[in-house]
Amino acid sequence: MEWGNTIRTIRPPSWAPAAALLLASWIAVAALSSQVRAGAEVVAVAFPPWWNAQQALLAAASANAAIVRTTAMPALLVVRPDGHDGLHKLREAGAWLAVDPQTIAACFKAND
């Protein structure tokens, strides 16, 4: 038996599946808890991160959403959507995500 021909197999640590499950469940809970609640008057919307503040404001205005607040991130705004299809209009204007504004409360500090 020659030692030079031995093939070593690399295995992930035994705790890796448990860590992956923990991470996946944390992401799922965060996603479910940050969803916009039915009948919410104010929502936080995220536009593409490479947009500047002017592009995000123009997109929100084109969806007839009233700007409630800006945040430290130019592409993240807190708005009051117009009517029952306001979120749909915001998505058509380029919004990637709409979440409960309390989810992004830490971003408010820059503009207080």
N, C-alpha and C. Protein backbone atom coordinates (compact mmCIF):
# COMPACT_ATOMS: atom_id res chain seq x y z
N MET A 1 0.84 -1.18 0.00
CA MET A 1 0.00 0.00 0.00
C MET A 1 0.88 1.23 0.00
N GLU A 2 0.65 2.09 -0.98
CA GLU A 2 1.45 3.29 -1.10
C GLU A 2 0.67 4.47 -0.54
N TRP A 3 1.36 5.30 0.23
CA TRP A 3 0.72 6.45 0.85
C TRP A 3 0.53 7.59 -0.14
N GLY A 4 1.28 7.62 -1.19
CA GLY A 4 1.19 8.71 -2.14
C GLY A 4 -0.08 8.68 -2.98
N ASN A 5 -0.76 7.55 -3.07
CA ASN A 5 -1.96 7.42 -3.89
C ASN A 5 -3.26 7.53 -3.09
N THR A 6 -3.18 7.90 -1.86
CA THR A 6 -4.37 7.99 -1.01
C THR A 6 -5.14 9.27 -1.35
N ILE A 7 -6.43 9.15 -1.53
CA ILE A 7 -7.28 10.30 -1.83
C ILE A 7 -7.94 10.75 -0.54
N ARG A 8 -7.74 12.02 -0.23
CA ARG A 8 -8.36 12.56 0.98
C ARG A 8 -9.69 13.18 0.61
N THR A 9 -10.68 12.93 1.40
CA THR A 9 -11.99 13.55 1.18
C THR A 9 -12.17 14.66 2.20
N ILE A 10 -12.69 15.75 1.73
CA ILE A 10 -12.95 16.90 2.62
C ILE A 10 -14.45 16.92 2.89
N ARG A 11 -14.78 16.88 4.14
CA ARG A 11 -16.19 16.89 4.55
C ARG A 11 -16.49 18.17 5.29
N PRO A 12 -17.71 18.67 5.13
CA PRO A 12 -18.08 19.86 5.90
C PRO A 12 -18.20 19.49 7.37
N PRO A 13 -18.08 20.48 8.23
CA PRO A 13 -18.22 20.19 9.67
C PRO A 13 -19.60 19.61 9.98
N SER A 14 -19.68 18.86 11.04
CA SER A 14 -20.95 18.20 11.39
C SER A 14 -22.03 19.20 11.79
N TRP A 15 -21.66 20.40 12.18
CA TRP A 15 -22.63 21.40 12.60
C TRP A 15 -23.16 22.22 11.42
N ALA A 16 -22.64 22.06 10.23
CA ALA A 16 -23.03 22.88 9.08
C ALA A 16 -24.52 22.76 8.73
N PRO A 17 -25.12 21.55 8.69
CA PRO A 17 -26.55 21.49 8.39
C PRO A 17 -27.42 22.22 9.42
N ALA A 18 -27.05 22.11 10.68
CA ALA A 18 -27.81 22.80 11.73
C ALA A 18 -27.69 24.31 11.57
N ALA A 19 -26.50 24.79 11.25
CA ALA A 19 -26.30 26.23 11.05
C ALA A 19 -27.09 26.72 9.83
N ALA A 20 -27.12 25.93 8.77
CA ALA A 20 -27.87 26.31 7.57
C ALA A 20 -29.37 26.37 7.87
N LEU A 21 -29.87 25.42 8.62
CA LEU A 21 -31.28 25.41 9.01
C LEU A 21 -31.61 26.61 9.89
N LEU A 22 -30.73 26.94 10.81
CA LEU A 22 -30.93 28.10 11.67
C LEU A 22 -30.97 29.39 10.85
N LEU A 23 -30.05 29.54 9.91
CA LEU A 23 -30.02 30.71 9.06
C LEU A 23 -31.27 30.81 8.19
N ALA A 24 -31.69 29.69 7.60
CA ALA A 24 -32.88 29.69 6.76
C ALA A 24 -34.13 30.05 7.56
N SER A 25 -34.25 29.54 8.77
CA SER A 25 -35.42 29.85 9.59
C SER A 25 -35.41 31.31 10.03
N TRP A 26 -34.23 31.86 10.31
CA TRP A 26 -34.13 33.27 10.69
C TRP A 26 -34.56 34.16 9.52
N ILE A 27 -34.13 33.83 8.33
CA ILE A 27 -34.51 34.61 7.14
C ILE A 27 -36.01 34.52 6.90
N ALA A 28 -36.59 33.33 7.08
CA ALA A 28 -38.02 33.16 6.88
C ALA A 28 -38.83 33.98 7.89
N VAL A 29 -38.43 33.96 9.14
CA VAL A 29 -39.13 34.73 10.17
C VAL A 29 -39.01 36.23 9.89
N ALA A 30 -37.83 36.67 9.51
CA ALA A 30 -37.63 38.09 9.20
C ALA A 30 -38.48 38.51 8.00
N ALA A 31 -38.54 37.67 6.99
CA ALA A 31 -39.34 38.00 5.80
C ALA A 31 -40.83 38.07 6.13
N LEU A 32 -41.30 37.14 6.93
CA LEU A 32 -42.72 37.13 7.28
C LEU A 32 -43.10 38.28 8.20
N SER A 33 -42.22 38.65 9.11
CA SER A 33 -42.56 39.71 10.06
C SER A 33 -42.42 41.10 9.45
N SER A 34 -41.73 41.23 8.34
CA SER A 34 -41.57 42.55 7.74
C SER A 34 -42.55 42.83 6.60
N GLN A 35 -43.46 41.92 6.34
CA GLN A 35 -44.44 42.13 5.28
C GLN A 35 -45.37 43.29 5.62
N VAL A 36 -45.84 43.94 4.59
CA VAL A 36 -46.78 45.04 4.78
C VAL A 36 -48.11 44.47 5.26
N ARG A 37 -48.63 45.03 6.32
CA ARG A 37 -49.90 44.55 6.84
C ARG A 37 -51.05 45.10 6.00
N ALA A 38 -52.12 44.33 5.95
CA ALA A 38 -53.29 44.74 5.17
C ALA A 38 -53.84 46.05 5.73
N GLY A 39 -54.11 46.98 4.85
CA GLY A 39 -54.66 48.26 5.25
C GLY A 39 -53.63 49.25 5.77
N ALA A 40 -52.36 48.95 5.63
CA ALA A 40 -51.32 49.86 6.10
C ALA A 40 -51.34 51.13 5.25
N GLU A 41 -51.30 52.28 5.91
CA GLU A 41 -51.33 53.55 5.19
C GLU A 41 -49.94 54.00 4.78
N VAL A 42 -48.93 53.61 5.55
CA VAL A 42 -47.56 54.03 5.30
C VAL A 42 -46.70 52.78 5.13
N VAL A 43 -45.86 52.78 4.10
CA VAL A 43 -44.95 51.65 3.86
C VAL A 43 -43.56 52.18 3.53
N ALA A 44 -42.58 51.34 3.73
CA ALA A 44 -41.22 51.64 3.31
C ALA A 44 -40.99 50.90 2.00
N VAL A 45 -40.46 51.60 1.02
CA VAL A 45 -40.19 50.97 -0.28
C VAL A 45 -38.71 51.09 -0.59
N ALA A 46 -38.19 50.01 -1.17
CA ALA A 46 -36.78 49.97 -1.55
C ALA A 46 -36.69 49.94 -3.07
N PHE A 47 -35.99 50.91 -3.60
CA PHE A 47 -35.72 50.97 -5.03
C PHE A 47 -34.33 50.38 -5.27
N PRO A 48 -33.94 50.17 -6.51
CA PRO A 48 -32.61 49.59 -6.76
C PRO A 48 -31.51 50.39 -6.03
N PRO A 49 -30.55 49.71 -5.42
CA PRO A 49 -29.55 50.39 -4.60
C PRO A 49 -28.64 51.34 -5.36
N TRP A 50 -28.54 51.21 -6.67
CA TRP A 50 -27.69 52.12 -7.44
C TRP A 50 -28.43 53.40 -7.82
N TRP A 51 -29.73 53.50 -7.48
CA TRP A 51 -30.46 54.73 -7.75
C TRP A 51 -30.05 55.79 -6.75
N ASN A 52 -30.01 57.03 -7.20
CA ASN A 52 -29.77 58.12 -6.27
C ASN A 52 -31.10 58.61 -5.71
N ALA A 53 -31.04 59.58 -4.82
CA ALA A 53 -32.26 60.06 -4.17
C ALA A 53 -33.25 60.67 -5.17
N GLN A 54 -32.74 61.37 -6.16
CA GLN A 54 -33.62 62.00 -7.15
C GLN A 54 -34.40 60.95 -7.94
N GLN A 55 -33.74 59.86 -8.35
CA GLN A 55 -34.43 58.81 -9.09
C GLN A 55 -35.51 58.15 -8.23
N ALA A 56 -35.19 57.89 -6.97
CA ALA A 56 -36.17 57.25 -6.08
C ALA A 56 -37.36 58.17 -5.82
N LEU A 57 -37.09 59.46 -5.60
CA LEU A 57 -38.18 60.40 -5.37
C LEU A 57 -39.07 60.57 -6.60
N LEU A 58 -38.45 60.62 -7.76
CA LEU A 58 -39.24 60.73 -8.99
C LEU A 58 -40.09 59.49 -9.24
N ALA A 59 -39.54 58.32 -8.94
CA ALA A 59 -40.30 57.08 -9.12
C ALA A 59 -41.49 57.04 -8.17
N ALA A 60 -41.27 57.43 -6.91
CA ALA A 60 -42.38 57.46 -5.95
C ALA A 60 -43.44 58.47 -6.37
N ALA A 61 -43.00 59.61 -6.85
CA ALA A 61 -43.95 60.64 -7.29
C ALA A 61 -44.72 60.17 -8.52
N SER A 62 -44.08 59.43 -9.41
CA SER A 62 -44.78 58.95 -10.60
C SER A 62 -45.87 57.93 -10.24
N ALA A 63 -45.76 57.32 -9.07
CA ALA A 63 -46.78 56.37 -8.60
C ALA A 63 -47.82 57.07 -7.72
N ASN A 64 -47.77 58.39 -7.66
CA ASN A 64 -48.69 59.19 -6.84
C ASN A 64 -48.61 58.84 -5.35
N ALA A 65 -47.42 58.51 -4.90
CA ALA A 65 -47.21 58.21 -3.48
C ALA A 65 -46.69 59.46 -2.79
N ALA A 66 -47.25 59.76 -1.64
CA ALA A 66 -46.79 60.92 -0.86
C ALA A 66 -45.56 60.52 -0.07
N ILE A 67 -44.51 61.32 -0.16
CA ILE A 67 -43.27 61.03 0.57
C ILE A 67 -43.48 61.41 2.03
N VAL A 68 -43.32 60.43 2.91
CA VAL A 68 -43.45 60.68 4.34
C VAL A 68 -42.09 61.01 4.93
N ARG A 69 -41.08 60.26 4.48
CA ARG A 69 -39.76 60.42 5.07
C ARG A 69 -38.69 59.83 4.16
N THR A 70 -37.52 60.41 4.18
CA THR A 70 -36.37 59.82 3.51
C THR A 70 -35.52 59.13 4.58
N THR A 71 -34.59 58.34 4.14
CA THR A 71 -33.73 57.61 5.08
C THR A 71 -32.27 57.88 4.74
N ALA A 72 -31.39 57.27 5.49
CA ALA A 72 -29.95 57.42 5.24
C ALA A 72 -29.56 56.81 3.90
N MET A 73 -30.33 55.86 3.43
CA MET A 73 -30.08 55.25 2.13
C MET A 73 -30.95 55.96 1.10
N PRO A 74 -30.38 56.53 0.04
CA PRO A 74 -31.18 57.30 -0.91
C PRO A 74 -32.26 56.49 -1.61
N ALA A 75 -32.06 55.20 -1.79
CA ALA A 75 -33.03 54.38 -2.52
C ALA A 75 -34.10 53.79 -1.62
N LEU A 76 -34.14 54.18 -0.37
CA LEU A 76 -35.11 53.66 0.59
C LEU A 76 -35.96 54.82 1.10
N LEU A 77 -37.27 54.75 0.83
CA LEU A 77 -38.18 55.83 1.20
C LEU A 77 -39.35 55.29 2.01
N VAL A 78 -39.91 56.15 2.84
CA VAL A 78 -41.16 55.84 3.53
C VAL A 78 -42.23 56.69 2.85
N VAL A 79 -43.25 56.02 2.33
CA VAL A 79 -44.26 56.71 1.53
C VAL A 79 -45.67 56.32 1.97
N ARG A 80 -46.63 57.13 1.53
CA ARG A 80 -48.05 56.83 1.71
C ARG A 80 -48.60 56.56 0.30
N PRO A 81 -48.81 55.26 -0.04
CA PRO A 81 -49.29 54.94 -1.40
C PRO A 81 -50.67 55.53 -1.66
N ASP A 82 -50.93 55.80 -2.92
CA ASP A 82 -52.20 56.40 -3.33
C ASP A 82 -53.22 55.30 -3.64
N GLY A 83 -54.31 55.29 -2.91
CA GLY A 83 -55.42 54.39 -3.21
C GLY A 83 -55.15 52.92 -2.95
N HIS A 84 -56.04 52.09 -3.47
CA HIS A 84 -55.98 50.66 -3.21
C HIS A 84 -54.91 49.94 -4.03
N ASP A 85 -54.50 50.51 -5.15
CA ASP A 85 -53.48 49.88 -5.98
C ASP A 85 -52.15 50.63 -5.93
N GLY A 86 -51.92 51.35 -4.84
CA GLY A 86 -50.70 52.14 -4.70
C GLY A 86 -49.43 51.31 -4.69
N LEU A 87 -49.47 50.15 -4.02
CA LEU A 87 -48.28 49.29 -4.00
C LEU A 87 -47.98 48.76 -5.40
N HIS A 88 -49.02 48.45 -6.14
CA HIS A 88 -48.82 47.97 -7.51
C HIS A 88 -48.17 49.06 -8.37
N LYS A 89 -48.63 50.30 -8.20
CA LYS A 89 -48.05 51.42 -8.94
C LYS A 89 -46.59 51.64 -8.56
N LEU A 90 -46.27 51.48 -7.28
CA LEU A 90 -44.89 51.64 -6.83
C LEU A 90 -43.99 50.57 -7.44
N ARG A 91 -44.50 49.35 -7.51
CA ARG A 91 -43.70 48.28 -8.12
C ARG A 91 -43.49 48.54 -9.61
N GLU A 92 -44.52 49.05 -10.28
CA GLU A 92 -44.37 49.40 -11.69
C GLU A 92 -43.37 50.54 -11.88
N ALA A 93 -43.25 51.42 -10.88
CA ALA A 93 -42.32 52.54 -10.96
C ALA A 93 -40.89 52.12 -10.65
N GLY A 94 -40.70 50.89 -10.21
CA GLY A 94 -39.34 50.40 -9.98
C GLY A 94 -39.04 49.92 -8.58
N ALA A 95 -40.00 49.97 -7.67
CA ALA A 95 -39.75 49.51 -6.30
C ALA A 95 -39.53 48.00 -6.29
N TRP A 96 -38.50 47.58 -5.61
CA TRP A 96 -38.20 46.16 -5.50
C TRP A 96 -38.96 45.51 -4.35
N LEU A 97 -39.14 46.26 -3.28
CA LEU A 97 -39.63 45.68 -2.04
C LEU A 97 -40.46 46.72 -1.28
N ALA A 98 -41.53 46.28 -0.67
CA ALA A 98 -42.33 47.13 0.21
C ALA A 98 -42.45 46.41 1.55
N VAL A 99 -42.06 47.08 2.62
CA VAL A 99 -42.07 46.47 3.95
C VAL A 99 -42.69 47.43 4.96
N ASP A 100 -42.95 46.89 6.13
CA ASP A 100 -43.44 47.68 7.24
C ASP A 100 -42.36 48.71 7.62
N PRO A 101 -42.71 49.98 7.79
CA PRO A 101 -41.68 50.99 8.08
C PRO A 101 -40.93 50.75 9.39
N GLN A 102 -41.53 50.05 10.33
CA GLN A 102 -40.83 49.77 11.58
C GLN A 102 -39.62 48.86 11.35
N THR A 103 -39.64 48.11 10.26
CA THR A 103 -38.53 47.22 9.95
C THR A 103 -37.25 48.00 9.68
N ILE A 104 -37.38 49.18 9.13
CA ILE A 104 -36.20 49.96 8.77
C ILE A 104 -36.02 51.16 9.68
N ALA A 105 -36.50 51.10 10.90
CA ALA A 105 -36.45 52.23 11.82
C ALA A 105 -35.03 52.73 12.04
N ALA A 106 -34.04 51.88 11.98
CA ALA A 106 -32.65 52.31 12.20
C ALA A 106 -32.18 53.24 11.10
N CYS A 107 -32.76 53.19 9.94
CA CYS A 107 -32.35 54.05 8.81
C CYS A 107 -32.86 55.47 8.98
N PHE A 108 -33.78 55.70 9.90
CA PHE A 108 -34.35 57.04 10.09
C PHE A 108 -33.38 58.00 10.76
N LYS A 109 -32.38 57.52 11.45
CA LYS A 109 -31.52 58.35 12.26
C LYS A 109 -30.82 59.45 11.49
N ALA A 110 -30.51 59.25 10.24
CA ALA A 110 -29.73 60.24 9.48
C ALA A 110 -30.52 61.52 9.20
N ASN A 111 -31.83 61.43 9.16
CA ASN A 111 -32.61 62.59 8.74
C ASN A 111 -33.53 63.12 9.84
N ASP A 112 -33.25 62.83 11.08
CA ASP A 112 -34.07 63.34 12.18
C ASP A 112 -33.79 64.79 12.45
